Amino acid sequence: TEDISRLKSILELYVGTHDFKAFGGQLEQNEKRAGRKINTIRTIHKVELVNESLGESHLGFIGEEGNYRIDFLIEGALYKMIRNMVGTAIQVWLG
């Protein structure tokens, strides 16, 4: 539907090379532990919003059209980065 298309458009904004510092969790603690500054620039190659039939999986969230799963193709995500990105995208989508 149009509503799900809007969420897909929001998620697609993440695709590309960006500084994801705002989405990383516990960066300062991890930098102290590593003894160096962590590079927060990452490349997201693909984001997919996958519609699953109700019987297949208990993962994802349930929309009017059934279950949805969000898949990311990324190399080297920051700690809690994907969780924070999905939460932010859903908050934007819900208004």
N, C-alpha and C. Protein backbone atom coordinates (compact mmCIF):
# COMPACT_ATOMS: atom_id res chain seq x y z
N THR A 1 0.84 -1.20 0.00
CA THR A 1 0.00 0.00 0.00
C THR A 1 0.87 1.25 0.00
N GLU A 2 0.24 2.38 -0.06
CA GLU A 2 0.94 3.67 -0.06
C GLU A 2 1.70 3.88 1.25
N ASP A 3 1.12 3.44 2.35
CA ASP A 3 1.74 3.60 3.66
C ASP A 3 3.04 2.80 3.77
N ILE A 4 3.01 1.56 3.29
CA ILE A 4 4.20 0.71 3.32
C ILE A 4 5.23 1.25 2.33
N SER A 5 4.79 1.78 1.21
CA SER A 5 5.72 2.39 0.25
C SER A 5 6.46 3.57 0.88
N ARG A 6 5.77 4.29 1.73
CA ARG A 6 6.40 5.42 2.44
C ARG A 6 7.50 4.92 3.37
N LEU A 7 7.25 3.85 4.12
CA LEU A 7 8.28 3.27 4.98
C LEU A 7 9.46 2.80 4.15
N LYS A 8 9.19 2.17 3.03
CA LYS A 8 10.27 1.71 2.14
C LYS A 8 11.13 2.88 1.67
N SER A 9 10.49 3.98 1.32
CA SER A 9 11.22 5.19 0.89
C SER A 9 12.09 5.75 2.01
N ILE A 10 11.57 5.73 3.23
CA ILE A 10 12.33 6.21 4.39
C ILE A 10 13.57 5.34 4.59
N LEU A 11 13.39 4.02 4.54
CA LEU A 11 14.50 3.10 4.74
C LEU A 11 15.57 3.25 3.65
N GLU A 12 15.14 3.53 2.43
CA GLU A 12 16.09 3.65 1.32
C GLU A 12 17.00 4.87 1.46
N LEU A 13 16.64 5.82 2.32
CA LEU A 13 17.51 6.97 2.56
C LEU A 13 18.83 6.56 3.22
N TYR A 14 18.85 5.41 3.86
CA TYR A 14 20.06 4.91 4.51
C TYR A 14 21.09 4.35 3.52
N VAL A 15 20.65 3.99 2.32
CA VAL A 15 21.55 3.36 1.35
C VAL A 15 22.62 4.36 0.91
N GLY A 16 23.86 3.88 0.88
CA GLY A 16 24.99 4.70 0.47
C GLY A 16 26.01 4.80 1.59
N THR A 17 27.00 5.63 1.38
CA THR A 17 28.06 5.83 2.36
C THR A 17 27.77 7.09 3.16
N HIS A 18 27.63 6.94 4.46
CA HIS A 18 27.28 8.05 5.34
C HIS A 18 28.03 7.90 6.67
N ASP A 19 28.05 8.97 7.43
CA ASP A 19 28.56 8.92 8.80
C ASP A 19 27.38 8.55 9.70
N PHE A 20 27.43 7.36 10.29
CA PHE A 20 26.33 6.84 11.09
C PHE A 20 26.57 7.00 12.59
N LYS A 21 27.38 7.99 12.96
CA LYS A 21 27.71 8.21 14.37
C LYS A 21 26.47 8.34 15.25
N ALA A 22 25.45 9.01 14.76
CA ALA A 22 24.23 9.23 15.54
C ALA A 22 23.50 7.92 15.86
N PHE A 23 23.76 6.87 15.09
CA PHE A 23 23.06 5.61 15.29
C PHE A 23 23.88 4.58 16.06
N GLY A 24 25.13 4.86 16.32
CA GLY A 24 25.98 3.92 17.05
C GLY A 24 25.70 3.98 18.54
N GLY A 25 25.77 2.85 19.20
CA GLY A 25 25.56 2.80 20.64
C GLY A 25 26.88 2.67 21.37
N GLN A 26 27.00 3.33 22.49
CA GLN A 26 28.15 3.24 23.38
C GLN A 26 29.49 3.51 22.66
N LEU A 27 29.49 4.50 21.78
CA LEU A 27 30.71 4.80 21.02
C LEU A 27 31.86 5.22 21.94
N GLU A 28 31.58 6.10 22.88
CA GLU A 28 32.66 6.58 23.77
C GLU A 28 33.27 5.44 24.56
N GLN A 29 32.43 4.55 25.11
CA GLN A 29 32.95 3.43 25.89
C GLN A 29 33.77 2.49 25.00
N ASN A 30 33.29 2.23 23.80
CA ASN A 30 34.01 1.35 22.89
C ASN A 30 35.32 1.96 22.43
N GLU A 31 35.35 3.28 22.26
CA GLU A 31 36.60 3.96 21.88
C GLU A 31 37.61 3.88 23.02
N LYS A 32 37.15 4.07 24.25
CA LYS A 32 38.05 3.95 25.40
C LYS A 32 38.61 2.54 25.51
N ARG A 33 37.74 1.57 25.32
CA ARG A 33 38.15 0.16 25.41
C ARG A 33 39.16 -0.18 24.30
N ALA A 34 38.92 0.32 23.10
CA ALA A 34 39.80 0.04 21.96
C ALA A 34 41.07 0.88 21.99
N GLY A 35 41.03 1.99 22.73
CA GLY A 35 42.18 2.87 22.79
C GLY A 35 42.39 3.69 21.53
N ARG A 36 41.34 3.82 20.75
CA ARG A 36 41.41 4.60 19.51
C ARG A 36 40.02 5.09 19.12
N LYS A 37 40.01 6.07 18.23
CA LYS A 37 38.74 6.61 17.74
C LYS A 37 38.15 5.63 16.72
N ILE A 38 36.86 5.39 16.81
CA ILE A 38 36.18 4.47 15.90
C ILE A 38 35.66 5.25 14.69
N ASN A 39 35.97 4.73 13.51
CA ASN A 39 35.47 5.33 12.27
C ASN A 39 33.99 4.99 12.16
N THR A 40 33.14 5.99 12.08
CA THR A 40 31.69 5.78 12.04
C THR A 40 31.12 5.88 10.63
N ILE A 41 31.97 6.00 9.64
CA ILE A 41 31.51 6.03 8.25
C ILE A 41 31.33 4.60 7.78
N ARG A 42 30.13 4.30 7.32
CA ARG A 42 29.78 2.96 6.86
C ARG A 42 29.04 3.06 5.53
N THR A 43 29.05 1.97 4.79
CA THR A 43 28.30 1.90 3.53
C THR A 43 27.22 0.85 3.65
N ILE A 44 26.00 1.28 3.40
CA ILE A 44 24.86 0.36 3.34
C ILE A 44 24.59 0.13 1.86
N HIS A 45 24.71 -1.12 1.46
CA HIS A 45 24.57 -1.46 0.04
C HIS A 45 23.12 -1.65 -0.36
N LYS A 46 22.31 -2.12 0.59
CA LYS A 46 20.92 -2.44 0.23
C LYS A 46 20.07 -2.51 1.50
N VAL A 47 18.85 -2.01 1.40
CA VAL A 47 17.84 -2.17 2.47
C VAL A 47 16.58 -2.68 1.79
N GLU A 48 16.04 -3.76 2.33
CA GLU A 48 14.82 -4.33 1.77
C GLU A 48 13.74 -4.45 2.84
N LEU A 49 12.55 -4.05 2.49
CA LEU A 49 11.37 -4.28 3.33
C LEU A 49 10.67 -5.49 2.73
N VAL A 50 10.70 -6.61 3.44
CA VAL A 50 10.23 -7.89 2.91
C VAL A 50 8.88 -8.23 3.53
N ASN A 51 7.90 -8.45 2.67
CA ASN A 51 6.57 -8.87 3.11
C ASN A 51 6.58 -10.38 3.24
N GLU A 52 6.25 -10.89 4.42
CA GLU A 52 6.20 -12.33 4.66
C GLU A 52 4.76 -12.72 4.96
N SER A 53 4.37 -13.92 4.52
CA SER A 53 3.03 -14.38 4.87
C SER A 53 2.99 -14.68 6.36
N LEU A 54 1.83 -14.60 6.95
CA LEU A 54 1.70 -14.71 8.40
C LEU A 54 2.23 -16.01 8.98
N GLY A 55 2.19 -17.10 8.24
CA GLY A 55 2.61 -18.38 8.78
C GLY A 55 4.10 -18.63 8.79
N GLU A 56 4.89 -17.87 8.03
CA GLU A 56 6.31 -18.18 7.84
C GLU A 56 7.20 -17.83 9.01
N SER A 57 6.99 -16.69 9.63
CA SER A 57 7.97 -16.21 10.59
C SER A 57 7.31 -15.40 11.69
N HIS A 58 7.92 -15.42 12.85
CA HIS A 58 7.46 -14.58 13.96
C HIS A 58 8.37 -13.38 14.12
N LEU A 59 9.31 -13.21 13.19
CA LEU A 59 10.22 -12.07 13.23
C LEU A 59 9.57 -10.88 12.55
N GLY A 60 10.08 -9.70 12.80
CA GLY A 60 9.58 -8.51 12.13
C GLY A 60 8.37 -7.92 12.83
N PHE A 61 7.59 -7.15 12.11
CA PHE A 61 6.41 -6.52 12.69
C PHE A 61 5.21 -6.82 11.82
N ILE A 62 4.02 -6.70 12.39
CA ILE A 62 2.79 -7.02 11.68
C ILE A 62 2.13 -5.74 11.23
N GLY A 63 1.96 -5.60 9.93
CA GLY A 63 1.26 -4.47 9.34
C GLY A 63 -0.10 -4.93 8.86
N GLU A 64 -0.83 -4.04 8.23
CA GLU A 64 -2.16 -4.39 7.73
C GLU A 64 -2.09 -5.51 6.70
N GLU A 65 -0.97 -5.61 6.00
CA GLU A 65 -0.82 -6.61 4.94
C GLU A 65 -0.09 -7.86 5.41
N GLY A 66 0.20 -8.01 6.70
CA GLY A 66 0.89 -9.18 7.20
C GLY A 66 2.20 -8.82 7.88
N ASN A 67 3.10 -9.79 7.97
CA ASN A 67 4.39 -9.59 8.61
C ASN A 67 5.40 -8.95 7.66
N TYR A 68 6.26 -8.13 8.22
CA TYR A 68 7.33 -7.51 7.46
C TYR A 68 8.65 -7.73 8.17
N ARG A 69 9.69 -7.87 7.37
CA ARG A 69 11.06 -7.99 7.88
C ARG A 69 11.89 -6.96 7.14
N ILE A 70 12.85 -6.36 7.83
CA ILE A 70 13.74 -5.38 7.20
C ILE A 70 15.13 -5.99 7.14
N ASP A 71 15.64 -6.14 5.91
CA ASP A 71 16.97 -6.71 5.70
C ASP A 71 17.94 -5.62 5.27
N PHE A 72 19.14 -5.64 5.86
CA PHE A 72 20.20 -4.71 5.51
C PHE A 72 21.38 -5.48 4.95
N LEU A 73 22.00 -4.96 3.90
CA LEU A 73 23.26 -5.49 3.40
C LEU A 73 24.32 -4.44 3.71
N ILE A 74 25.15 -4.75 4.71
CA ILE A 74 26.13 -3.79 5.21
C ILE A 74 27.34 -4.58 5.71
N GLU A 75 28.49 -3.96 5.60
CA GLU A 75 29.71 -4.57 6.12
C GLU A 75 30.19 -3.74 7.30
N GLY A 76 30.26 -4.35 8.47
CA GLY A 76 30.81 -3.66 9.64
C GLY A 76 29.90 -2.63 10.28
N ALA A 77 28.74 -3.04 10.72
CA ALA A 77 27.83 -2.12 11.41
C ALA A 77 28.39 -1.75 12.78
N LEU A 78 28.05 -0.56 13.25
CA LEU A 78 28.39 -0.13 14.60
C LEU A 78 27.48 -0.85 15.60
N TYR A 79 27.91 -0.86 16.85
CA TYR A 79 27.12 -1.49 17.91
C TYR A 79 25.74 -0.83 17.99
N LYS A 80 24.70 -1.62 17.91
CA LYS A 80 23.29 -1.20 17.96
C LYS A 80 22.87 -0.26 16.82
N MET A 81 23.69 -0.17 15.79
CA MET A 81 23.39 0.75 14.69
C MET A 81 22.09 0.39 13.96
N ILE A 82 21.93 -0.87 13.59
CA ILE A 82 20.74 -1.28 12.83
C ILE A 82 19.48 -1.13 13.67
N ARG A 83 19.56 -1.53 14.92
CA ARG A 83 18.42 -1.38 15.84
C ARG A 83 17.99 0.08 15.92
N ASN A 84 18.94 0.98 16.07
CA ASN A 84 18.62 2.41 16.18
C ASN A 84 18.09 2.98 14.87
N MET A 85 18.63 2.51 13.76
CA MET A 85 18.15 2.97 12.45
C MET A 85 16.71 2.54 12.19
N VAL A 86 16.41 1.29 12.50
CA VAL A 86 15.05 0.78 12.28
C VAL A 86 14.06 1.53 13.19
N GLY A 87 14.43 1.72 14.45
CA GLY A 87 13.56 2.46 15.36
C GLY A 87 13.30 3.87 14.90
N THR A 88 14.34 4.53 14.40
CA THR A 88 14.19 5.90 13.90
C THR A 88 13.30 5.93 12.66
N ALA A 89 13.53 5.00 11.73
CA ALA A 89 12.72 4.95 10.51
C ALA A 89 11.25 4.72 10.83
N ILE A 90 10.97 3.84 11.79
CA ILE A 90 9.57 3.58 12.15
C ILE A 90 8.94 4.78 12.83
N GLN A 91 9.70 5.47 13.67
CA GLN A 91 9.18 6.68 14.31
C GLN A 91 8.86 7.77 13.27
N VAL A 92 9.72 7.93 12.29
CA VAL A 92 9.46 8.90 11.21
C VAL A 92 8.23 8.47 10.43
N TRP A 93 8.13 7.19 10.13
CA TRP A 93 7.00 6.64 9.37
C TRP A 93 5.68 6.86 10.11
N LEU A 94 5.70 6.67 11.41
CA LEU A 94 4.48 6.84 12.20
C LEU A 94 4.13 8.31 12.45
N GLY A 95 5.11 9.18 12.21
CA GLY A 95 4.87 10.61 12.37
C GLY A 95 5.12 11.06 13.75
